[in-house]
Amino acid sequence: MDPSVMQTTTRATRPAAWWILATIAAGIAGSFGAIGVAGSGTYEVAPFQVELRAIPAPLGETVLAKKVAGIEPGRAEAGTHNAPMVYKATITGLSVGDRLTNTDPQLVATPEAMADFLSEQGKDAIRSFGIKLAIVSVGGGAIGGIGVALAGMRWRRIAGGALAGLLTLAVVGVLTQQTYDKSEFQKTSFVADESITDQTGDLGDVLPGG
């Protein structure tokens, strides 16, 4: 092959490779950014309402918190997985129409008990939250792709960014699932969180006969 043709071909392919890398990087950044901004939702896990949140972070961690009247407030953290995401579950109230019974506080008395309760009774909530994260991740990746598309005037890079965002969440999800160790909560306990103490009431306000 003529050397001049080889040089032309090399020069033509280099920009394409760089644009692909830029699209992937923008999609990943957009995905994490969107999750950080909109990666939360509140769901019913009877008898409670639980806010679920995902926060991109270098180290994987799960945070459990309680701030509902009638239950002692607290917060617990555990390094449960090896994915760059912090998952937070906060009990914020009671399900619509529910009233706290004497036995309900035992469901979340310890971090291990709360983790068991959420994993067993919160499957629908976790599934719905996962779907929301997927939508948010794709949207964030697409926004990242728009930036690359505007720079290079290649609109298909929007789809590339969206795909990169979806794949990012998929990889994080697989890493979380494969490395998640709920037993880490056996090594921790709830600690007082002054920021939520004032939002809870006395047991007599909500318990039957109070």
Protein backbone atom coordinates (compact mmCIF):
# COMPACT_ATOMS: atom_id res chain seq x y z
CA MET A 1 0.00 0.00 0.00
CA ASP A 2 1.12 3.52 -0.80
CA PRO A 3 2.62 5.11 2.38
CA SER A 4 0.62 8.27 1.76
CA VAL A 5 -2.60 6.22 1.77
CA MET A 6 -1.57 4.54 5.05
CA GLN A 7 -0.88 7.92 6.65
CA THR A 8 -4.24 9.26 5.48
CA THR A 9 -6.03 6.19 6.86
CA THR A 10 -4.24 6.45 10.22
CA ARG A 11 -5.04 10.14 10.52
CA ALA A 12 -8.68 9.43 9.68
CA THR A 13 -9.07 6.70 12.28
CA ARG A 14 -7.33 8.45 15.16
CA PRO A 15 -9.96 11.17 15.60
CA ALA A 16 -12.72 8.54 15.46
CA ALA A 17 -11.06 6.56 18.24
CA TRP A 18 -10.66 9.66 20.37
CA TRP A 19 -14.30 10.63 19.82
CA ILE A 20 -15.44 7.17 20.88
CA LEU A 21 -13.41 7.42 24.09
CA ALA A 22 -14.74 10.93 24.69
CA THR A 23 -18.31 9.71 24.20
CA ILE A 24 -17.81 6.84 26.64
CA ALA A 25 -16.21 9.13 29.22
CA ALA A 26 -18.99 11.70 28.84
CA GLY A 27 -21.63 9.00 29.15
CA ILE A 28 -20.08 7.62 32.34
CA ALA A 29 -19.69 11.08 33.86
CA GLY A 30 -23.24 12.00 32.88
CA SER A 31 -24.58 8.78 34.35
CA PHE A 32 -22.88 9.28 37.73
CA GLY A 33 -23.81 12.96 37.78
CA ALA A 34 -27.48 12.25 37.11
CA ILE A 35 -27.60 9.54 39.78
CA GLY A 36 -26.04 11.92 42.27
CA VAL A 37 -28.72 14.54 41.53
CA ALA A 38 -31.84 12.44 40.94
CA GLY A 39 -31.01 8.98 42.27
CA SER A 40 -33.57 8.83 45.05
CA GLY A 41 -37.17 7.82 45.65
CA THR A 42 -39.62 7.08 48.45
CA TYR A 43 -41.43 3.74 48.54
CA GLU A 44 -43.80 1.86 50.83
CA VAL A 45 -42.37 -1.14 52.62
CA ALA A 46 -45.18 -1.85 55.05
CA PRO A 47 -45.50 -0.69 57.72
CA PHE A 48 -42.96 1.98 56.76
CA GLN A 49 -42.17 4.51 54.09
CA VAL A 50 -38.55 4.20 53.04
CA GLU A 51 -36.45 6.65 51.09
CA LEU A 52 -33.86 4.94 48.90
CA ARG A 53 -30.91 6.89 47.57
CA ALA A 54 -27.82 6.09 45.51
CA ILE A 55 -24.74 8.31 45.69
CA PRO A 56 -21.64 7.75 43.51
CA ALA A 57 -18.56 7.36 45.72
CA PRO A 58 -15.08 5.81 45.51
CA LEU A 59 -15.89 3.17 48.14
CA GLY A 60 -19.01 1.04 48.30
CA GLU A 61 -21.10 1.43 51.42
CA THR A 62 -24.64 0.94 52.68
CA VAL A 63 -26.19 3.42 55.10
CA LEU A 64 -29.32 2.64 57.12
CA ALA A 65 -31.17 5.36 59.01
CA LYS A 66 -34.38 5.78 61.02
CA LYS A 67 -36.25 9.04 61.56
CA VAL A 68 -39.85 8.10 62.24
CA ALA A 69 -41.85 9.03 65.33
CA GLY A 70 -42.10 6.17 67.78
CA ILE A 71 -38.78 4.56 66.90
CA GLU A 72 -35.45 5.57 68.36
CA PRO A 73 -33.59 7.47 65.62
CA GLY A 74 -30.21 6.30 64.48
CA ARG A 75 -27.79 5.75 61.65
CA ALA A 76 -25.52 2.83 60.76
CA GLU A 77 -22.92 2.40 58.04
CA ALA A 78 -21.22 -0.70 56.67
CA GLY A 79 -18.80 -1.41 53.83
CA THR A 80 -21.02 -4.01 52.25
CA HIS A 81 -19.84 -4.10 48.63
CA ASN A 82 -17.04 -3.31 46.19
CA ALA A 83 -18.82 -1.01 43.75
CA PRO A 84 -18.37 2.79 43.52
CA MET A 85 -21.78 3.58 44.97
CA VAL A 86 -23.23 4.36 48.39
CA TYR A 87 -26.77 3.08 48.95
CA LYS A 88 -28.84 4.73 51.66
CA ALA A 89 -32.17 3.53 53.05
CA THR A 90 -33.97 5.84 55.47
CA ILE A 91 -37.25 5.10 57.23
CA THR A 92 -39.05 8.42 57.00
CA GLY A 93 -42.57 7.56 58.13
CA LEU A 94 -45.37 5.01 58.15
CA SER A 95 -47.22 3.57 55.19
CA VAL A 96 -50.48 5.29 54.33
CA GLY A 97 -53.15 4.15 56.79
CA ASP A 98 -50.72 2.26 59.01
CA ARG A 99 -50.25 2.79 62.72
CA LEU A 100 -47.14 1.74 64.56
CA THR A 101 -47.63 -1.38 66.68
CA ASN A 102 -45.63 -2.48 69.68
CA THR A 103 -43.75 -5.06 67.59
CA ASP A 104 -42.88 -2.88 64.58
CA PRO A 105 -39.82 -1.24 66.20
CA GLN A 106 -38.26 -4.70 66.50
CA LEU A 107 -38.19 -4.95 62.70
CA VAL A 108 -35.53 -2.25 62.63
CA ALA A 109 -34.09 -2.51 66.14
CA THR A 110 -30.58 -3.30 64.85
CA PRO A 111 -28.82 -2.65 61.53
CA GLU A 112 -28.82 -6.39 60.82
CA ALA A 113 -32.57 -6.64 61.53
CA MET A 114 -33.30 -3.63 59.32
CA ALA A 115 -31.16 -5.01 56.50
CA ASP A 116 -33.01 -8.34 56.72
CA PHE A 117 -36.38 -6.58 56.79
CA LEU A 118 -35.62 -4.48 53.71
CA SER A 119 -34.19 -7.38 51.72
CA GLU A 120 -37.19 -9.60 52.49
CA GLN A 121 -40.08 -7.12 52.45
CA GLY A 122 -38.68 -4.42 50.19
CA LYS A 123 -38.08 -6.39 47.00
CA ASP A 124 -40.72 -4.48 45.02
CA ALA A 125 -39.37 -1.14 46.25
CA ILE A 126 -35.80 -2.11 45.39
CA ARG A 127 -36.90 -3.26 41.93
CA SER A 128 -38.75 0.00 41.28
CA PHE A 129 -35.76 1.97 42.50
CA GLY A 130 -33.47 0.02 40.19
CA ILE A 131 -35.68 0.86 37.22
CA LYS A 132 -35.62 4.53 38.18
CA LEU A 133 -31.82 4.46 38.43
CA ALA A 134 -31.63 2.90 34.96
CA ILE A 135 -33.79 5.68 33.48
CA VAL A 136 -31.80 8.37 35.28
CA SER A 137 -28.51 6.80 34.19
CA VAL A 138 -29.54 6.62 30.54
CA GLY A 139 -30.73 10.22 30.66
CA GLY A 140 -27.50 11.40 32.24
CA GLY A 141 -25.44 9.48 29.71
CA ALA A 142 -27.45 11.01 26.87
CA ILE A 143 -26.81 14.49 28.26
CA GLY A 144 -23.11 13.70 28.34
CA GLY A 145 -23.37 12.50 24.75
CA ILE A 146 -25.02 15.76 23.72
CA GLY A 147 -21.94 17.66 24.83
CA VAL A 148 -19.72 15.47 22.67
CA ALA A 149 -22.17 15.65 19.78
CA LEU A 150 -22.17 19.45 19.84
CA ALA A 151 -18.38 19.46 19.75
CA GLY A 152 -18.11 17.00 16.89
CA MET A 153 -21.47 17.48 15.18
CA ARG A 154 -22.16 13.74 15.30
CA TRP A 155 -25.63 13.29 16.77
CA ARG A 156 -25.34 9.51 17.04
CA ARG A 157 -22.97 10.16 19.95
CA ILE A 158 -26.03 11.03 22.03
CA ALA A 159 -27.10 7.39 21.69
CA GLY A 160 -23.54 6.34 22.44
CA GLY A 161 -23.53 8.39 25.63
CA ALA A 162 -26.89 6.93 26.68
CA LEU A 163 -25.58 3.42 26.07
CA ALA A 164 -22.43 4.18 28.07
CA GLY A 165 -24.62 5.43 30.93
CA LEU A 166 -26.73 2.27 30.91
CA LEU A 167 -23.67 0.02 30.79
CA THR A 168 -22.11 1.97 33.66
CA LEU A 169 -25.11 1.28 35.87
CA ALA A 170 -25.16 -2.35 34.74
CA VAL A 171 -21.52 -2.84 35.74
CA VAL A 172 -22.09 -1.14 39.09
CA GLY A 173 -25.17 -3.30 39.66
CA VAL A 174 -23.33 -6.53 38.89
CA LEU A 175 -20.42 -5.56 41.13
CA THR A 176 -22.82 -4.70 43.93
CA GLN A 177 -24.74 -7.95 43.60
CA GLN A 178 -21.65 -10.14 43.35
CA THR A 179 -19.79 -8.58 46.27
CA TYR A 180 -22.64 -7.56 48.62
CA ASP A 181 -22.21 -8.94 52.11
CA LYS A 182 -25.14 -8.17 54.41
CA SER A 183 -23.33 -9.76 57.35
CA GLU A 184 -21.17 -6.63 57.58
CA PHE A 185 -24.04 -5.09 59.54
CA GLN A 186 -23.33 -7.55 62.34
CA LYS A 187 -20.19 -5.54 63.03
CA THR A 188 -21.95 -2.21 63.52
CA SER A 189 -24.81 -0.64 65.46
CA PHE A 190 -27.11 2.36 65.24
CA VAL A 191 -25.67 5.57 66.58
CA ALA A 192 -27.52 8.74 67.49
CA ASP A 193 -27.92 11.25 64.70
CA GLU A 194 -28.65 14.69 66.14
CA SER A 195 -29.90 15.95 62.79
CA ILE A 196 -32.90 13.64 62.96
CA THR A 197 -33.52 13.42 66.70
CA ASP A 198 -35.71 16.52 66.76
CA GLN A 199 -37.93 15.12 64.01
CA THR A 200 -39.16 12.18 66.08
CA GLY A 201 -41.77 12.13 68.80
CA ASP A 202 -42.36 10.17 71.98
CA LEU A 203 -43.48 6.56 71.79
CA GLY A 204 -46.74 7.57 73.42
CA ASP A 205 -47.60 9.71 70.40
CA VAL A 206 -48.01 6.76 68.07
CA LEU A 207 -48.08 3.50 69.98
CA PRO A 208 -51.49 2.02 70.83
CA GLY A 209 -52.52 3.08 74.32
CA GLY A 210 -49.98 5.94 74.36
